Amino acid sequence: MRYSMHKGVSSRNNWVRRAAIIGVVFVILLAVGAFLVQRAYDNNLKPVGPSQHRVLVTVPSGSTAHQISLNLKNQGLIRADWAFEWYIRNHNLRDKLQAGTYYFSPNQDVPTIANILTQGKVATDLVTILPGQRIDQVRKALINAGFDTADVDSALNPANYAGHPALVDLPAGASLEGYLYPDSFQRTATTRAKAIVKASLDEMAQHLTPELRAAIEQQGLTVHQGIILASIVEQEVSNPKDKPTVAQVFLSRLRQNMVLGSDVTVIYGAVINGQSPSLTYDSAYNTHIHAGLPAGPISNVGEASLQAVAHPATTDYLFFVAGDDGVTYFSHTLEEHQQLTQEHCKKLCSGS
């Protein structure tokens, strides 16, 4: 009996010792793991290399820290995208990142790059028309860049560019909305606003190739209508991979005489009429209640959006919703769409 009790106590003591050893090992592994992660993080904040070569980086309006980090990594300016994102999060800089065009070099570390982005230290010898901007936003950007207001207003008058190849499809009386290609343009002390606008139109003409025009017309659209639809695609999704499918959704809706149901067009109609952004404001841009395309483009367009309209996906979706996680969810029926919206768009769709 004594032997059995002694054996039981011994077994319990052995188990306790094993558990203690396992616990100590686990703590040591955690400590080592934390040390290695911290060392990797610190190393990845360092400059990529000694090169002082300047790389031009454009940060569009609304860019997330994740999107910016991938752009910087792809251009060889940071060691790891995750380390950049960690730095931004750890220093509460998410809401301080500013759109614009910047010069960065591989010899700059992450804190330096982050400081430039949060202080808005844009390249001063360049004028940038950001992607997805309305023409009133372009006007403001040009004025903020130092151009005289009257000079800017004159530069944005389509009559100054009669016969320009980018504007052969522009309807009479229309503004340059949608036709100013987003890019960065060199400036000197004597550069006028008209030179920047013309350079932007020249870029647009280069992208409106005969092949692109023909492909747009094959979709049953005029080139101007194609630019209108491309501007909607530009505003609806930022991921280039999603754009052809979004274009397919809208083209399918047009062909089936369904309303486009695009929130961004409704908001545009409210804003240009001096109203607060609204999903209920009725205008010629309210595609929730008015069939067909809106009255005109709602922003400028990039190459990906133009190509998406010219070469839409071969899918047959009729609905999509941009989720809070940055993923675009496509569906065939209203029921599926409502379910996906309920599951994935709690924050972004709360006001719609």
Protein backbone atom coordinates (compact mmCIF):
# COMPACT_ATOMS: atom_id res chain seq x y z
CA MET A 1 0.00 0.00 0.00
CA ARG A 2 2.84 2.36 0.91
CA TYR A 3 4.60 1.41 -2.31
CA SER A 4 1.53 2.20 -4.41
CA MET A 5 1.08 5.59 -2.74
CA HIS A 6 4.75 6.38 -3.21
CA LYS A 7 4.50 5.37 -6.84
CA GLY A 8 1.46 7.61 -7.41
CA VAL A 9 3.15 10.60 -5.79
CA SER A 10 6.26 9.97 -7.87
CA SER A 11 4.20 9.85 -11.06
CA ARG A 12 2.50 13.12 -10.21
CA ASN A 13 5.84 14.74 -9.44
CA ASN A 14 7.22 13.52 -12.76
CA TRP A 15 4.21 14.97 -14.59
CA VAL A 16 4.62 18.28 -12.79
CA ARG A 17 8.33 18.34 -13.70
CA ARG A 18 7.54 17.55 -17.34
CA ALA A 19 4.86 20.23 -17.46
CA ALA A 20 7.26 22.73 -15.93
CA ILE A 21 9.96 21.82 -18.46
CA ILE A 22 7.48 22.10 -21.32
CA GLY A 23 6.33 25.47 -19.99
CA VAL A 24 9.89 26.74 -19.71
CA VAL A 25 10.70 25.51 -23.22
CA PHE A 26 7.52 27.14 -24.55
CA VAL A 27 8.42 30.47 -22.92
CA ILE A 28 11.95 30.23 -24.29
CA LEU A 29 10.61 29.50 -27.79
CA LEU A 30 8.24 32.46 -27.53
CA ALA A 31 11.06 34.71 -26.42
CA VAL A 32 13.33 33.48 -29.20
CA GLY A 33 10.52 33.84 -31.73
CA ALA A 34 9.74 37.37 -30.55
CA PHE A 35 13.44 38.24 -30.71
CA LEU A 36 13.76 36.91 -34.27
CA VAL A 37 10.61 38.72 -35.42
CA GLN A 38 11.80 41.97 -33.85
CA ARG A 39 15.23 41.59 -35.44
CA ALA A 40 13.65 40.87 -38.84
CA TYR A 41 11.38 43.89 -38.41
CA ASP A 42 14.28 46.17 -37.48
CA ASN A 43 16.38 44.91 -40.40
CA ASN A 44 13.53 45.45 -42.85
CA LEU A 45 13.21 49.08 -41.76
CA LYS A 46 16.73 49.74 -43.04
CA PRO A 47 17.45 51.11 -46.53
CA VAL A 48 17.42 48.67 -49.42
CA GLY A 49 20.90 49.78 -50.45
CA PRO A 50 23.27 52.71 -50.95
CA SER A 51 21.87 53.87 -54.30
CA GLN A 52 20.72 57.50 -54.43
CA HIS A 53 18.84 57.00 -57.70
CA ARG A 54 15.50 58.81 -57.44
CA VAL A 55 12.35 56.84 -58.22
CA LEU A 56 9.09 58.63 -58.94
CA VAL A 57 6.14 57.19 -56.98
CA THR A 58 2.52 58.33 -57.32
CA VAL A 59 0.16 57.71 -54.41
CA PRO A 60 -3.46 58.02 -55.62
CA SER A 61 -6.15 59.48 -53.38
CA GLY A 62 -7.60 56.90 -51.01
CA SER A 63 -4.58 54.57 -51.17
CA THR A 64 -4.26 52.24 -48.19
CA ALA A 65 -1.02 51.53 -46.35
CA HIS A 66 -1.10 48.06 -47.90
CA GLN A 67 -1.38 49.41 -51.44
CA ILE A 68 1.40 51.93 -50.83
CA SER A 69 3.67 49.28 -49.32
CA LEU A 70 3.24 46.96 -52.31
CA ASN A 71 4.01 49.81 -54.69
CA LEU A 72 7.17 50.71 -52.78
CA LYS A 73 8.26 47.07 -52.59
CA ASN A 74 7.66 46.49 -56.30
CA GLN A 75 9.82 49.50 -57.12
CA GLY A 76 12.69 48.30 -54.93
CA LEU A 77 12.38 51.08 -52.36
CA ILE A 78 11.68 49.03 -49.22
CA ARG A 79 12.82 45.59 -48.10
CA ALA A 80 9.45 44.18 -47.02
CA ASP A 81 5.90 45.42 -47.45
CA TRP A 82 4.80 43.93 -44.11
CA ALA A 83 7.49 45.87 -42.20
CA PHE A 84 6.34 49.14 -43.77
CA GLU A 85 2.72 48.38 -42.80
CA TRP A 86 3.77 47.48 -39.26
CA TYR A 87 5.68 50.75 -38.94
CA ILE A 88 2.70 52.77 -40.18
CA ARG A 89 0.36 50.97 -37.78
CA ASN A 90 2.72 51.09 -34.78
CA HIS A 91 3.17 54.85 -35.20
CA ASN A 92 -0.51 55.60 -35.90
CA LEU A 93 0.21 57.04 -39.33
CA ARG A 94 -2.57 55.39 -41.36
CA ASP A 95 -4.72 58.52 -41.51
CA LYS A 96 -1.75 60.82 -42.15
CA LEU A 97 -0.57 59.31 -45.47
CA GLN A 98 -1.05 61.89 -48.22
CA ALA A 99 -1.73 61.45 -51.92
CA GLY A 100 0.69 62.94 -54.39
CA THR A 101 3.81 62.27 -56.43
CA TYR A 102 7.06 61.72 -54.54
CA TYR A 103 10.73 61.06 -55.17
CA PHE A 104 12.21 58.21 -53.13
CA SER A 105 15.61 56.52 -53.19
CA PRO A 106 16.76 53.01 -52.15
CA ASN A 107 19.11 54.62 -49.59
CA GLN A 108 16.17 55.93 -47.55
CA ASP A 109 14.91 53.89 -44.62
CA VAL A 110 11.25 53.26 -43.83
CA PRO A 111 10.95 56.02 -41.18
CA THR A 112 12.29 58.55 -43.71
CA ILE A 113 9.89 57.40 -46.43
CA ALA A 114 6.97 57.42 -43.99
CA ASN A 115 7.84 60.96 -42.90
CA ILE A 116 7.86 62.17 -46.50
CA LEU A 117 4.46 60.57 -47.11
CA THR A 118 2.84 61.92 -43.97
CA GLN A 119 4.29 65.42 -44.40
CA GLY A 120 3.16 65.55 -48.04
CA LYS A 121 6.66 66.43 -49.29
CA VAL A 122 5.72 66.00 -52.94
CA ALA A 123 8.06 66.47 -55.89
CA THR A 124 8.04 70.23 -56.47
CA ASP A 125 9.24 70.14 -60.08
CA LEU A 126 6.25 68.08 -61.11
CA VAL A 127 2.54 68.70 -61.45
CA THR A 128 0.46 65.58 -60.87
CA ILE A 129 -3.06 64.83 -62.02
CA LEU A 130 -4.02 61.95 -59.78
CA PRO A 131 -6.09 58.99 -61.02
CA GLY A 132 -9.84 59.13 -60.43
CA GLN A 133 -10.02 62.92 -60.01
CA ARG A 134 -12.99 65.02 -61.01
CA ILE A 135 -12.21 68.09 -63.09
CA ASP A 136 -12.97 70.38 -60.14
CA GLN A 137 -10.34 68.44 -58.17
CA VAL A 138 -7.86 68.85 -61.03
CA ARG A 139 -8.61 72.58 -61.03
CA LYS A 140 -7.95 72.79 -57.30
CA ALA A 141 -4.73 70.79 -57.65
CA LEU A 142 -3.43 73.13 -60.35
CA ILE A 143 -4.25 76.19 -58.26
CA ASN A 144 -2.58 74.60 -55.22
CA ALA A 145 0.46 73.94 -57.41
CA GLY A 146 0.85 77.70 -57.79
CA PHE A 147 -0.92 78.44 -61.06
CA ASP A 148 -3.05 81.57 -61.27
CA THR A 149 -6.79 80.88 -60.93
CA ALA A 150 -7.70 82.72 -64.11
CA ASP A 151 -4.91 80.89 -65.94
CA VAL A 152 -6.25 77.54 -64.73
CA ASP A 153 -9.84 78.32 -65.69
CA SER A 154 -8.70 79.34 -69.15
CA ALA A 155 -6.57 76.20 -69.46
CA LEU A 156 -9.59 73.99 -68.68
CA ASN A 157 -11.68 75.52 -71.47
CA PRO A 158 -12.11 72.89 -74.22
CA ALA A 159 -12.25 75.63 -76.86
CA ASN A 160 -8.50 76.10 -76.44
CA TYR A 161 -7.87 72.61 -77.83
CA ALA A 162 -10.10 72.52 -80.89
CA GLY A 163 -9.02 69.72 -83.18
CA HIS A 164 -6.99 67.92 -80.52
CA PRO A 165 -6.98 64.16 -81.30
CA ALA A 166 -8.06 63.27 -77.76
CA LEU A 167 -11.22 65.37 -78.10
CA VAL A 168 -12.62 64.27 -81.46
CA ASP A 169 -15.43 62.43 -79.61
CA LEU A 170 -16.15 65.19 -77.08
CA PRO A 171 -19.78 66.35 -77.45
CA ALA A 172 -20.39 70.03 -78.10
CA GLY A 173 -20.70 72.00 -74.89
CA ALA A 174 -19.08 69.28 -72.74
CA SER A 175 -16.23 70.02 -70.33
CA LEU A 176 -12.91 68.19 -70.25
CA GLU A 177 -14.28 65.88 -67.53
CA GLY A 178 -12.89 62.39 -68.13
CA TYR A 179 -10.38 63.43 -70.79
CA LEU A 180 -7.44 64.60 -68.67
CA TYR A 181 -5.14 61.60 -68.41
CA PRO A 182 -3.67 61.09 -64.91
CA ASP A 183 0.11 61.45 -64.85
CA SER A 184 2.95 63.63 -63.58
CA PHE A 185 4.19 66.45 -65.78
CA GLN A 186 7.44 68.45 -65.64
CA ARG A 187 7.20 72.13 -64.86
CA THR A 188 9.57 75.07 -64.78
CA ALA A 189 9.19 78.61 -63.46
CA THR A 190 7.62 79.69 -66.77
CA THR A 191 5.25 76.74 -67.30
CA ARG A 192 1.62 77.77 -67.80
CA ALA A 193 -1.39 75.73 -66.73
CA LYS A 194 -2.39 75.29 -70.37
CA ALA A 195 0.88 73.43 -71.02
CA ILE A 196 0.02 70.93 -68.26
CA VAL A 197 -3.52 70.40 -69.57
CA LYS A 198 -2.29 69.96 -73.13
CA ALA A 199 0.33 67.44 -71.98
CA SER A 200 -2.44 65.52 -70.20
CA LEU A 201 -4.61 65.56 -73.33
CA ASP A 202 -1.61 64.40 -75.37
CA GLU A 203 -1.28 61.44 -73.01
CA MET A 204 -4.98 60.66 -73.39
CA ALA A 205 -4.64 60.71 -77.16
CA GLN A 206 -1.82 58.18 -76.95
CA HIS A 207 -4.02 55.81 -74.95
CA LEU A 208 -7.04 56.25 -77.24
CA THR A 209 -5.42 54.19 -79.97
CA PRO A 210 -7.34 53.09 -83.09
CA GLU A 211 -7.36 49.57 -81.66
CA LEU A 212 -8.86 50.73 -78.35
CA ARG A 213 -11.46 52.86 -80.10
CA ALA A 214 -12.47 49.93 -82.31
CA ALA A 215 -12.71 47.59 -79.30
CA ILE A 216 -14.93 50.06 -77.44
CA GLU A 217 -17.21 50.38 -80.45
CA GLN A 218 -17.44 46.58 -80.64
CA GLN A 219 -19.07 46.73 -77.20
CA GLY A 220 -21.89 48.80 -78.73
CA LEU A 221 -20.60 52.09 -77.33
CA THR A 222 -19.32 55.29 -78.83
CA VAL A 223 -15.85 56.27 -77.65
CA HIS A 224 -17.33 59.01 -75.47
CA GLN A 225 -19.71 56.47 -73.91
CA GLY A 226 -16.73 54.19 -73.38
CA ILE A 227 -14.97 56.95 -71.46
CA ILE A 228 -18.09 57.51 -69.36
CA LEU A 229 -18.23 53.83 -68.46
CA ALA A 230 -14.46 53.68 -67.87
CA SER A 231 -14.80 56.57 -65.39
CA ILE A 232 -17.42 54.60 -63.47
CA VAL A 233 -15.18 51.53 -63.41
CA GLU A 234 -12.29 53.77 -62.26
CA GLN A 235 -14.33 54.93 -59.28
CA GLU A 236 -15.97 51.63 -58.38
CA VAL A 237 -12.86 49.44 -57.95
CA SER A 238 -9.15 50.07 -57.50
CA ASN A 239 -7.85 46.55 -58.15
CA PRO A 240 -6.97 46.30 -61.88
CA LYS A 241 -7.83 42.59 -61.84
CA ASP A 242 -11.45 43.37 -60.92
CA LYS A 243 -12.00 46.08 -63.51
CA PRO A 244 -12.78 43.84 -66.56
CA THR A 245 -15.42 41.96 -64.56
CA VAL A 246 -16.97 45.17 -63.24
CA ALA A 247 -17.07 46.48 -66.82
CA GLN A 248 -18.79 43.24 -67.85
CA VAL A 249 -21.42 43.72 -65.14
CA PHE A 250 -22.27 47.22 -66.34
CA LEU A 251 -22.27 46.25 -70.02
CA SER A 252 -24.59 43.33 -69.27
CA ARG A 253 -26.92 45.64 -67.38
CA LEU A 254 -26.99 48.10 -70.27
CA ARG A 255 -27.79 45.33 -72.74
CA GLN A 256 -30.59 44.00 -70.54
CA ASN A 257 -32.07 47.48 -70.02
CA MET A 258 -31.32 47.35 -66.30
CA VAL A 259 -30.31 50.45 -64.39
CA LEU A 260 -26.57 50.56 -63.72
CA GLY A 261 -27.20 51.10 -60.01
CA SER A 262 -23.81 52.73 -59.42
CA ASP A 263 -23.41 54.62 -56.14
CA VAL A 264 -20.44 56.62 -57.41
CA THR A 265 -22.45 58.24 -60.19
CA VAL A 266 -25.17 59.32 -57.76
CA ILE A 267 -22.58 60.84 -55.43
CA TYR A 268 -20.94 62.66 -58.34
CA GLY A 269 -24.28 64.21 -59.33
CA ALA A 270 -24.76 65.52 -55.80
CA VAL A 271 -21.22 66.89 -55.44
CA ILE A 272 -21.12 68.81 -58.74
CA ASN A 273 -24.42 70.44 -57.80
CA GLY A 274 -22.95 71.70 -54.54
CA GLN A 275 -24.64 69.11 -52.35
CA SER A 276 -23.15 66.83 -49.74
CA PRO A 277 -22.30 63.34 -51.04
CA SER A 278 -25.61 61.51 -51.13
CA LEU A 279 -27.07 58.28 -52.48
CA THR A 280 -30.54 59.76 -52.76
CA TYR A 281 -29.88 62.98 -54.67
CA ASP A 282 -31.69 62.99 -58.01
CA SER A 283 -29.73 64.23 -61.01
CA ALA A 284 -28.86 63.11 -64.53
CA TYR A 285 -26.14 61.03 -62.86
CA ASN A 286 -28.46 59.01 -60.63
CA THR A 287 -28.13 55.57 -62.22
CA HIS A 288 -30.25 54.01 -59.49
CA ILE A 289 -33.39 55.54 -61.01
CA HIS A 290 -32.40 56.63 -64.52
CA ALA A 291 -31.69 53.99 -67.17
CA GLY A 292 -28.59 54.00 -69.32
CA LEU A 293 -25.30 55.79 -68.84
CA PRO A 294 -25.10 59.02 -66.85
CA ALA A 295 -24.84 62.40 -68.58
CA GLY A 296 -21.04 62.31 -68.80
CA PRO A 297 -17.82 60.99 -67.26
CA ILE A 298 -17.50 61.29 -63.50
CA SER A 299 -13.68 61.44 -63.26
CA ASN A 300 -10.54 60.96 -65.28
CA VAL A 301 -9.59 57.42 -66.30
CA GLY A 302 -6.47 55.29 -66.39
CA GLU A 303 -5.31 52.67 -68.86
CA ALA A 304 -6.69 49.73 -66.83
CA SER A 305 -10.23 51.16 -66.82
CA LEU A 306 -10.15 51.97 -70.54
CA GLN A 307 -8.93 48.48 -71.36
CA ALA A 308 -11.56 46.94 -69.07
CA VAL A 309 -14.36 48.59 -71.06
CA ALA A 310 -12.75 47.71 -74.38
CA HIS A 311 -12.04 44.13 -73.31
CA PRO A 312 -14.50 43.13 -70.55
CA ALA A 313 -14.39 39.75 -68.85
CA THR A 314 -16.27 36.86 -70.44
CA THR A 315 -18.31 36.29 -67.29
CA ASP A 316 -22.06 36.80 -66.94
CA TYR A 317 -22.45 38.47 -63.54
CA LEU A 318 -25.09 41.13 -62.93
CA PHE A 319 -24.09 42.33 -59.45
CA PHE A 320 -21.00 43.14 -57.42
CA VAL A 321 -20.18 44.66 -54.06
CA ALA A 322 -16.87 45.96 -52.72
CA GLY A 323 -16.33 44.35 -49.33
CA ASP A 324 -14.85 45.91 -46.22
CA ASP A 325 -11.87 43.59 -46.74
CA GLY A 326 -11.01 45.15 -50.10
CA VAL A 327 -12.30 42.16 -52.06
CA THR A 328 -14.93 42.61 -54.79
CA TYR A 329 -17.69 39.99 -54.61
CA PHE A 330 -19.62 39.17 -57.79
CA SER A 331 -22.97 37.44 -58.11
CA HIS A 332 -25.65 36.47 -60.64
CA THR A 333 -28.86 37.13 -58.72
CA LEU A 334 -30.20 39.84 -56.46
CA GLU A 335 -30.56 37.32 -53.64
CA GLU A 336 -26.90 36.33 -53.90
CA HIS A 337 -25.90 39.98 -54.05
CA GLN A 338 -27.89 40.88 -50.95
CA GLN A 339 -26.38 37.95 -49.04
CA LEU A 340 -22.82 38.91 -50.04
CA THR A 341 -23.51 42.53 -49.13
CA GLN A 342 -24.79 41.51 -45.72
CA GLU A 343 -21.77 39.29 -45.11
CA HIS A 344 -18.95 41.44 -46.46
CA CYS A 345 -20.03 45.08 -46.57
CA LYS A 346 -21.07 46.08 -43.08
CA LYS A 347 -18.95 49.25 -42.82
CA LEU A 348 -18.74 50.56 -46.38
CA CYS A 349 -22.41 49.93 -47.10
CA SER A 350 -23.75 51.25 -43.81
CA GLY A 351 -24.70 54.57 -45.34
CA SER A 352 -26.27 53.22 -48.54
